[in-house]
N, C-alpha and C. Protein backbone atom coordinates (compact mmCIF):
# COMPACT_ATOMS: atom_id res chain seq x y z
N MET A 1 5.31 25.58 7.32
CA MET A 1 5.61 24.17 7.51
C MET A 1 5.88 23.54 6.14
N ILE A 2 6.98 22.81 6.07
CA ILE A 2 7.32 22.10 4.84
C ILE A 2 6.50 20.82 4.79
N GLN A 3 5.89 20.57 3.62
CA GLN A 3 5.15 19.32 3.44
C GLN A 3 5.94 18.41 2.52
N HIS A 4 5.93 17.14 2.86
CA HIS A 4 6.60 16.13 2.05
C HIS A 4 5.54 15.24 1.44
N SER A 5 5.63 15.04 0.15
CA SER A 5 4.70 14.16 -0.56
C SER A 5 5.27 12.75 -0.59
N ILE A 6 4.44 11.81 -0.16
CA ILE A 6 4.84 10.41 -0.07
C ILE A 6 3.90 9.60 -0.96
N LEU A 7 4.47 8.70 -1.76
CA LEU A 7 3.67 7.85 -2.63
C LEU A 7 3.86 6.40 -2.21
N PHE A 8 2.76 5.71 -1.96
CA PHE A 8 2.77 4.27 -1.68
C PHE A 8 2.32 3.55 -2.94
N VAL A 9 3.07 2.53 -3.33
CA VAL A 9 2.79 1.81 -4.57
C VAL A 9 2.67 0.32 -4.29
N CYS A 10 1.65 -0.31 -4.87
CA CYS A 10 1.56 -1.77 -4.90
C CYS A 10 1.04 -2.18 -6.27
N ILE A 11 0.71 -3.43 -6.43
CA ILE A 11 0.33 -3.93 -7.75
C ILE A 11 -0.95 -3.27 -8.26
N HIS A 12 -2.04 -3.38 -7.51
CA HIS A 12 -3.35 -2.94 -8.00
C HIS A 12 -3.92 -1.72 -7.30
N ASN A 13 -3.21 -1.17 -6.31
CA ASN A 13 -3.70 -0.04 -5.54
C ASN A 13 -5.06 -0.37 -4.92
N SER A 14 -5.20 -1.65 -4.53
CA SER A 14 -6.50 -2.10 -4.03
C SER A 14 -6.47 -2.46 -2.55
N ALA A 15 -5.28 -2.55 -1.94
CA ALA A 15 -5.22 -3.00 -0.55
C ALA A 15 -4.07 -2.34 0.21
N ARG A 16 -2.86 -2.87 0.03
CA ARG A 16 -1.72 -2.45 0.86
C ARG A 16 -1.40 -0.97 0.72
N SER A 17 -1.30 -0.48 -0.50
CA SER A 17 -0.97 0.94 -0.69
C SER A 17 -2.09 1.84 -0.18
N GLN A 18 -3.33 1.39 -0.32
CA GLN A 18 -4.46 2.17 0.18
C GLN A 18 -4.41 2.27 1.71
N MET A 19 -4.07 1.15 2.38
CA MET A 19 -3.98 1.17 3.84
C MET A 19 -2.86 2.08 4.29
N ALA A 20 -1.70 1.99 3.63
CA ALA A 20 -0.55 2.82 4.02
C ALA A 20 -0.88 4.31 3.84
N GLU A 21 -1.49 4.65 2.70
CA GLU A 21 -1.89 6.04 2.46
C GLU A 21 -2.84 6.52 3.56
N ALA A 22 -3.84 5.71 3.86
CA ALA A 22 -4.83 6.11 4.86
C ALA A 22 -4.20 6.29 6.24
N PHE A 23 -3.32 5.38 6.63
CA PHE A 23 -2.68 5.50 7.94
C PHE A 23 -1.78 6.74 8.00
N LEU A 24 -1.00 6.99 6.96
CA LEU A 24 -0.11 8.14 7.01
C LEU A 24 -0.91 9.44 7.09
N ASN A 25 -1.95 9.54 6.29
CA ASN A 25 -2.77 10.76 6.32
C ASN A 25 -3.55 10.88 7.63
N HIS A 26 -3.91 9.75 8.22
CA HIS A 26 -4.63 9.77 9.51
C HIS A 26 -3.71 10.20 10.65
N TYR A 27 -2.50 9.65 10.70
CA TYR A 27 -1.61 9.91 11.82
C TYR A 27 -0.73 11.13 11.64
N ASP A 28 -0.59 11.64 10.42
CA ASP A 28 0.17 12.86 10.20
C ASP A 28 -0.69 13.78 9.35
N GLY A 29 -0.57 13.71 8.04
CA GLY A 29 -1.42 14.49 7.16
C GLY A 29 -1.16 15.98 7.14
N LYS A 30 -0.15 16.43 7.88
CA LYS A 30 0.20 17.85 7.88
C LYS A 30 1.57 18.04 7.24
N SER A 31 2.59 17.49 7.85
CA SER A 31 3.93 17.62 7.26
C SER A 31 4.17 16.54 6.20
N LEU A 32 3.41 15.45 6.29
CA LEU A 32 3.50 14.36 5.32
C LEU A 32 2.13 14.17 4.68
N ILE A 33 2.08 14.19 3.37
CA ILE A 33 0.85 13.99 2.63
C ILE A 33 1.04 12.76 1.75
N ALA A 34 0.16 11.78 1.92
CA ALA A 34 0.32 10.53 1.19
C ALA A 34 -0.68 10.40 0.05
N GLU A 35 -0.23 9.71 -0.98
CA GLU A 35 -1.07 9.25 -2.07
C GLU A 35 -0.70 7.79 -2.30
N SER A 36 -1.53 7.10 -3.06
CA SER A 36 -1.19 5.73 -3.41
C SER A 36 -1.57 5.47 -4.86
N ALA A 37 -0.89 4.48 -5.44
CA ALA A 37 -1.15 4.12 -6.83
C ALA A 37 -0.72 2.68 -7.04
N GLY A 38 -1.14 2.13 -8.17
CA GLY A 38 -0.80 0.76 -8.50
C GLY A 38 -0.11 0.66 -9.84
N LEU A 39 0.63 -0.41 -10.03
CA LEU A 39 1.25 -0.66 -11.32
C LEU A 39 0.19 -0.95 -12.37
N GLU A 40 -0.84 -1.68 -11.97
CA GLU A 40 -2.01 -1.99 -12.81
C GLU A 40 -3.24 -1.84 -11.91
N PRO A 41 -3.82 -0.64 -11.82
CA PRO A 41 -4.89 -0.43 -10.86
C PRO A 41 -6.06 -1.38 -11.04
N GLY A 42 -6.60 -1.80 -9.90
CA GLY A 42 -7.74 -2.71 -9.89
C GLY A 42 -8.90 -2.08 -9.16
N LYS A 43 -9.62 -2.90 -8.41
CA LYS A 43 -10.76 -2.43 -7.62
C LYS A 43 -10.40 -2.54 -6.15
N LEU A 44 -10.90 -1.60 -5.37
CA LEU A 44 -10.64 -1.59 -3.93
C LEU A 44 -11.13 -2.89 -3.30
N ASN A 45 -10.28 -3.52 -2.52
CA ASN A 45 -10.59 -4.80 -1.88
C ASN A 45 -11.61 -4.57 -0.75
N PRO A 46 -12.80 -5.19 -0.82
CA PRO A 46 -13.82 -4.96 0.20
C PRO A 46 -13.40 -5.42 1.60
N ASN A 47 -12.55 -6.43 1.69
CA ASN A 47 -12.07 -6.87 3.01
C ASN A 47 -11.17 -5.81 3.63
N VAL A 48 -10.41 -5.12 2.82
CA VAL A 48 -9.57 -4.03 3.32
C VAL A 48 -10.43 -2.89 3.82
N VAL A 49 -11.48 -2.58 3.08
CA VAL A 49 -12.41 -1.53 3.52
C VAL A 49 -12.97 -1.90 4.89
N LYS A 50 -13.36 -3.16 5.08
CA LYS A 50 -13.92 -3.61 6.37
C LYS A 50 -12.92 -3.48 7.51
N VAL A 51 -11.70 -3.98 7.31
CA VAL A 51 -10.75 -3.97 8.43
C VAL A 51 -10.25 -2.56 8.74
N MET A 52 -10.23 -1.68 7.75
CA MET A 52 -9.87 -0.29 8.04
C MET A 52 -11.00 0.40 8.81
N ALA A 53 -12.24 0.08 8.47
CA ALA A 53 -13.38 0.65 9.20
C ALA A 53 -13.34 0.21 10.66
N GLU A 54 -12.84 -0.99 10.92
CA GLU A 54 -12.74 -1.48 12.30
C GLU A 54 -11.84 -0.60 13.16
N VAL A 55 -10.88 0.09 12.53
CA VAL A 55 -9.99 0.98 13.28
C VAL A 55 -10.36 2.44 13.06
N GLY A 56 -11.58 2.67 12.56
CA GLY A 56 -12.09 4.03 12.44
C GLY A 56 -11.64 4.81 11.23
N ILE A 57 -11.17 4.15 10.19
CA ILE A 57 -10.72 4.84 8.98
C ILE A 57 -11.55 4.35 7.80
N ASP A 58 -12.26 5.29 7.18
CA ASP A 58 -13.14 4.97 6.05
C ASP A 58 -12.39 5.20 4.74
N ILE A 59 -12.17 4.12 4.00
CA ILE A 59 -11.55 4.25 2.68
C ILE A 59 -12.53 3.80 1.59
N SER A 60 -13.78 3.61 1.93
CA SER A 60 -14.76 3.08 0.99
C SER A 60 -14.96 3.98 -0.23
N TYR A 61 -14.67 5.25 -0.09
CA TYR A 61 -14.87 6.22 -1.17
C TYR A 61 -13.68 6.29 -2.13
N LYS A 62 -12.58 5.63 -1.78
CA LYS A 62 -11.34 5.75 -2.55
C LYS A 62 -11.43 5.01 -3.88
N GLY A 63 -10.87 5.61 -4.89
CA GLY A 63 -10.68 4.94 -6.17
C GLY A 63 -9.25 4.47 -6.28
N THR A 64 -8.94 3.78 -7.35
CA THR A 64 -7.56 3.36 -7.58
C THR A 64 -6.99 4.19 -8.72
N GLN A 65 -5.67 4.31 -8.74
CA GLN A 65 -5.02 5.05 -9.82
C GLN A 65 -3.72 4.37 -10.21
N GLU A 66 -3.25 4.70 -11.39
CA GLU A 66 -2.04 4.07 -11.93
C GLU A 66 -0.82 4.94 -11.65
N VAL A 67 0.24 4.31 -11.20
CA VAL A 67 1.45 5.03 -10.86
C VAL A 67 2.05 5.74 -12.08
N PHE A 68 1.93 5.16 -13.26
CA PHE A 68 2.51 5.78 -14.44
C PHE A 68 1.77 7.06 -14.84
N ASP A 69 0.48 7.19 -14.47
CA ASP A 69 -0.23 8.43 -14.71
C ASP A 69 0.37 9.56 -13.88
N LEU A 70 0.73 9.27 -12.64
CA LEU A 70 1.37 10.28 -11.79
C LEU A 70 2.74 10.64 -12.35
N PHE A 71 3.47 9.64 -12.81
CA PHE A 71 4.79 9.85 -13.39
C PHE A 71 4.69 10.76 -14.63
N LYS A 72 3.74 10.44 -15.51
CA LYS A 72 3.58 11.22 -16.75
C LYS A 72 3.16 12.66 -16.47
N LYS A 73 2.46 12.87 -15.35
CA LYS A 73 2.04 14.23 -14.98
C LYS A 73 3.19 15.02 -14.36
N GLY A 74 4.33 14.36 -14.17
CA GLY A 74 5.49 15.03 -13.59
C GLY A 74 5.39 15.25 -12.10
N ARG A 75 4.57 14.46 -11.43
CA ARG A 75 4.41 14.59 -9.99
C ARG A 75 5.74 14.32 -9.29
N LEU A 76 6.02 15.09 -8.27
CA LEU A 76 7.25 14.93 -7.49
C LEU A 76 6.91 14.40 -6.11
N PHE A 77 7.68 13.45 -5.65
CA PHE A 77 7.50 12.86 -4.32
C PHE A 77 8.85 12.83 -3.62
N GLN A 78 8.83 13.12 -2.34
CA GLN A 78 10.07 13.04 -1.57
C GLN A 78 10.39 11.60 -1.20
N ALA A 79 9.37 10.74 -1.18
CA ALA A 79 9.60 9.32 -0.92
C ALA A 79 8.58 8.51 -1.70
N VAL A 80 9.05 7.42 -2.31
CA VAL A 80 8.20 6.44 -2.97
C VAL A 80 8.44 5.13 -2.25
N ILE A 81 7.37 4.59 -1.67
CA ILE A 81 7.48 3.37 -0.87
C ILE A 81 6.63 2.28 -1.50
N THR A 82 7.29 1.22 -1.93
CA THR A 82 6.55 0.08 -2.46
C THR A 82 6.16 -0.81 -1.29
N VAL A 83 4.93 -1.33 -1.35
CA VAL A 83 4.44 -2.18 -0.27
C VAL A 83 4.07 -3.57 -0.79
N CYS A 84 4.66 -3.91 -1.94
CA CYS A 84 4.44 -5.23 -2.53
C CYS A 84 5.76 -6.00 -2.49
N ASP A 85 5.79 -7.18 -3.07
CA ASP A 85 7.02 -7.96 -3.07
C ASP A 85 8.08 -7.27 -3.92
N GLU A 86 9.33 -7.63 -3.69
CA GLU A 86 10.47 -6.98 -4.32
C GLU A 86 10.44 -7.08 -5.84
N ALA A 87 10.06 -8.23 -6.37
CA ALA A 87 10.03 -8.41 -7.83
C ALA A 87 9.02 -7.46 -8.46
N SER A 88 7.86 -7.31 -7.85
CA SER A 88 6.85 -6.39 -8.38
C SER A 88 7.30 -4.95 -8.27
N ALA A 89 8.00 -4.62 -7.20
CA ALA A 89 8.46 -3.25 -6.98
C ALA A 89 9.42 -2.80 -8.07
N GLU A 90 10.10 -3.75 -8.72
CA GLU A 90 11.03 -3.41 -9.79
C GLU A 90 10.32 -2.69 -10.94
N GLY A 91 9.01 -2.87 -11.09
CA GLY A 91 8.25 -2.23 -12.16
C GLY A 91 7.87 -0.80 -11.88
N CYS A 92 8.20 -0.30 -10.71
CA CYS A 92 7.84 1.06 -10.33
C CYS A 92 8.77 2.05 -11.03
N PRO A 93 8.22 3.12 -11.62
CA PRO A 93 9.08 4.08 -12.31
C PRO A 93 9.96 4.85 -11.34
N ILE A 94 11.04 5.38 -11.87
CA ILE A 94 11.92 6.24 -11.09
C ILE A 94 11.39 7.67 -11.26
N PHE A 95 10.94 8.26 -10.18
CA PHE A 95 10.40 9.62 -10.25
C PHE A 95 11.55 10.62 -10.22
N PRO A 96 11.44 11.70 -11.01
CA PRO A 96 12.50 12.71 -11.02
C PRO A 96 12.50 13.50 -9.72
N GLY A 97 13.57 14.20 -9.49
CA GLY A 97 13.67 15.03 -8.30
C GLY A 97 14.31 14.26 -7.15
N VAL A 98 14.27 14.87 -6.00
CA VAL A 98 14.84 14.25 -4.81
C VAL A 98 13.84 13.23 -4.29
N VAL A 99 14.17 11.98 -4.46
CA VAL A 99 13.25 10.91 -4.07
C VAL A 99 13.99 9.88 -3.25
N ARG A 100 13.38 9.49 -2.19
CA ARG A 100 13.89 8.38 -1.39
C ARG A 100 13.04 7.17 -1.71
N ARG A 101 13.65 6.11 -2.20
CA ARG A 101 12.92 4.89 -2.54
C ARG A 101 13.08 3.90 -1.40
N MET A 102 11.95 3.33 -1.00
CA MET A 102 11.97 2.34 0.07
C MET A 102 11.07 1.19 -0.35
N GLY A 103 11.33 0.02 0.18
CA GLY A 103 10.49 -1.13 -0.10
C GLY A 103 10.08 -1.83 1.19
N TRP A 104 8.78 -1.95 1.37
CA TRP A 104 8.22 -2.69 2.50
C TRP A 104 7.46 -3.85 1.88
N SER A 105 7.75 -5.05 2.28
CA SER A 105 7.09 -6.22 1.70
C SER A 105 6.00 -6.74 2.64
N PHE A 106 4.76 -6.75 2.14
CA PHE A 106 3.62 -7.27 2.90
C PHE A 106 2.87 -8.26 2.03
N PRO A 107 2.28 -9.28 2.64
CA PRO A 107 1.44 -10.22 1.88
C PRO A 107 0.26 -9.50 1.22
N ASP A 108 -0.16 -10.00 0.09
CA ASP A 108 -1.26 -9.41 -0.66
C ASP A 108 -2.59 -9.97 -0.17
N PRO A 109 -3.45 -9.15 0.44
CA PRO A 109 -4.74 -9.63 0.92
C PRO A 109 -5.60 -10.30 -0.15
N SER A 110 -5.42 -9.96 -1.41
CA SER A 110 -6.23 -10.59 -2.46
C SER A 110 -5.84 -12.05 -2.67
N SER A 111 -4.69 -12.45 -2.13
CA SER A 111 -4.24 -13.85 -2.29
C SER A 111 -4.67 -14.75 -1.13
N PHE A 112 -5.29 -14.17 -0.09
CA PHE A 112 -5.66 -14.97 1.08
C PHE A 112 -6.79 -15.94 0.75
N LYS A 113 -6.68 -17.15 1.28
CA LYS A 113 -7.68 -18.20 1.10
C LYS A 113 -8.22 -18.62 2.46
N GLY A 114 -9.38 -19.26 2.44
CA GLY A 114 -9.97 -19.77 3.68
C GLY A 114 -11.38 -19.24 3.84
N THR A 115 -11.88 -19.35 5.07
CA THR A 115 -13.21 -18.84 5.37
C THR A 115 -13.15 -17.31 5.36
N GLU A 116 -14.31 -16.70 5.33
CA GLU A 116 -14.35 -15.23 5.35
C GLU A 116 -13.64 -14.69 6.59
N GLU A 117 -13.85 -15.34 7.75
CA GLU A 117 -13.21 -14.88 8.97
C GLU A 117 -11.69 -15.06 8.91
N GLU A 118 -11.22 -16.17 8.34
CA GLU A 118 -9.77 -16.39 8.21
C GLU A 118 -9.15 -15.33 7.29
N ILE A 119 -9.84 -15.03 6.21
CA ILE A 119 -9.34 -14.00 5.28
C ILE A 119 -9.30 -12.65 5.98
N LEU A 120 -10.35 -12.32 6.71
CA LEU A 120 -10.38 -11.04 7.45
C LEU A 120 -9.28 -10.99 8.50
N GLU A 121 -9.05 -12.11 9.20
CA GLU A 121 -8.01 -12.14 10.23
C GLU A 121 -6.63 -11.92 9.62
N ASN A 122 -6.36 -12.55 8.49
CA ASN A 122 -5.08 -12.34 7.81
C ASN A 122 -4.95 -10.91 7.29
N THR A 123 -6.05 -10.35 6.83
CA THR A 123 -6.05 -8.96 6.36
C THR A 123 -5.80 -8.01 7.53
N ARG A 124 -6.36 -8.32 8.69
CA ARG A 124 -6.10 -7.51 9.89
C ARG A 124 -4.62 -7.53 10.26
N LYS A 125 -3.99 -8.70 10.13
CA LYS A 125 -2.55 -8.80 10.44
C LYS A 125 -1.75 -7.90 9.53
N VAL A 126 -2.07 -7.91 8.24
CA VAL A 126 -1.36 -7.03 7.29
C VAL A 126 -1.64 -5.58 7.63
N ARG A 127 -2.90 -5.26 7.93
CA ARG A 127 -3.27 -3.89 8.32
C ARG A 127 -2.41 -3.42 9.49
N ASP A 128 -2.30 -4.27 10.51
CA ASP A 128 -1.55 -3.89 11.71
C ASP A 128 -0.06 -3.74 11.42
N GLU A 129 0.48 -4.60 10.55
CA GLU A 129 1.89 -4.48 10.18
C GLU A 129 2.14 -3.19 9.40
N ILE A 130 1.23 -2.85 8.51
CA ILE A 130 1.36 -1.61 7.74
C ILE A 130 1.26 -0.41 8.68
N LYS A 131 0.33 -0.45 9.62
CA LYS A 131 0.19 0.66 10.57
C LYS A 131 1.50 0.87 11.33
N GLU A 132 2.11 -0.22 11.82
CA GLU A 132 3.37 -0.10 12.56
C GLU A 132 4.48 0.47 11.68
N ALA A 133 4.55 0.04 10.43
CA ALA A 133 5.57 0.55 9.51
C ALA A 133 5.36 2.04 9.24
N VAL A 134 4.10 2.44 9.07
CA VAL A 134 3.80 3.85 8.82
C VAL A 134 4.15 4.69 10.05
N LEU A 135 3.80 4.22 11.24
CA LEU A 135 4.14 4.98 12.45
C LEU A 135 5.65 5.12 12.61
N ALA A 136 6.40 4.08 12.30
CA ALA A 136 7.86 4.15 12.35
C ALA A 136 8.38 5.13 11.30
N PHE A 137 7.77 5.11 10.12
CA PHE A 137 8.19 6.04 9.06
C PHE A 137 7.93 7.48 9.47
N ILE A 138 6.80 7.73 10.11
CA ILE A 138 6.49 9.10 10.56
C ILE A 138 7.57 9.58 11.53
N GLU A 139 7.98 8.71 12.44
CA GLU A 139 9.05 9.07 13.37
C GLU A 139 10.34 9.36 12.62
N GLU A 140 10.68 8.50 11.69
CA GLU A 140 11.90 8.67 10.89
C GLU A 140 11.81 9.93 10.03
N ALA A 141 10.64 10.22 9.51
CA ALA A 141 10.45 11.34 8.60
C ALA A 141 10.64 12.69 9.29
N LYS A 142 10.60 12.70 10.60
CA LYS A 142 10.87 13.95 11.31
C LYS A 142 12.27 14.45 10.95
N HIS A 143 13.12 13.55 10.49
CA HIS A 143 14.48 13.89 10.10
C HIS A 143 14.63 13.96 8.59
N MET A 144 13.53 13.78 7.85
CA MET A 144 13.61 13.76 6.39
C MET A 144 14.04 15.10 5.83
N GLU A 145 13.57 16.19 6.41
CA GLU A 145 13.95 17.51 5.91
C GLU A 145 15.47 17.65 5.96
N TYR A 146 16.07 17.20 7.02
CA TYR A 146 17.52 17.23 7.13
C TYR A 146 18.14 16.37 6.05
N TRP A 147 17.58 15.18 5.82
CA TRP A 147 18.10 14.25 4.82
C TRP A 147 18.06 14.89 3.43
N VAL A 148 16.94 15.55 3.11
CA VAL A 148 16.80 16.20 1.80
C VAL A 148 17.80 17.32 1.66
N LYS A 149 17.97 18.15 2.68
CA LYS A 149 18.94 19.25 2.62
C LYS A 149 20.34 18.71 2.43
N GLN A 150 20.69 17.65 3.15
CA GLN A 150 22.01 17.06 3.01
C GLN A 150 22.23 16.57 1.58
N LYS A 151 21.22 15.93 1.00
CA LYS A 151 21.32 15.39 -0.36
C LYS A 151 21.50 16.52 -1.36
N LEU A 152 20.78 17.63 -1.17
CA LEU A 152 20.88 18.75 -2.09
C LEU A 152 22.24 19.45 -1.99
N ASN A 153 22.83 19.45 -0.80
CA ASN A 153 24.11 20.12 -0.59
C ASN A 153 25.30 19.24 -0.93
N ALA A 154 25.06 17.97 -1.20
CA ALA A 154 26.17 17.03 -1.47
C ALA A 154 26.80 17.29 -2.82
């Protein structure tokens, strides 16, 4: 079985990219292997840990990492998906090799204001949107091997 490495990137690797990584590894994790990183890694958002636990996925043990460390190590990814706003995504390095770059824009849970319940509710909405995007990507990725072969033969 061919495995495809997927990298999810956001600003701090504290929320959106962590959720996307967790969902992809939870729902596939065999043909697609996900990692996540941040442009400037921060600390894991505790509200994200809570809302992911609500759907049975424990990310409390996860640390954050910097995308440029992966780049400097020469890591290769078949897809790099930014999950932050477009302006921030511009800071993501171009990884060598056959890479498909995609951008998914989601609100940053660290920017949510209000009561604890309002913040959690908004974080749940982002979680659910990321889950749907990841599930759609998994469906699309069934054809990724073909896409990579076509690109190599072009």
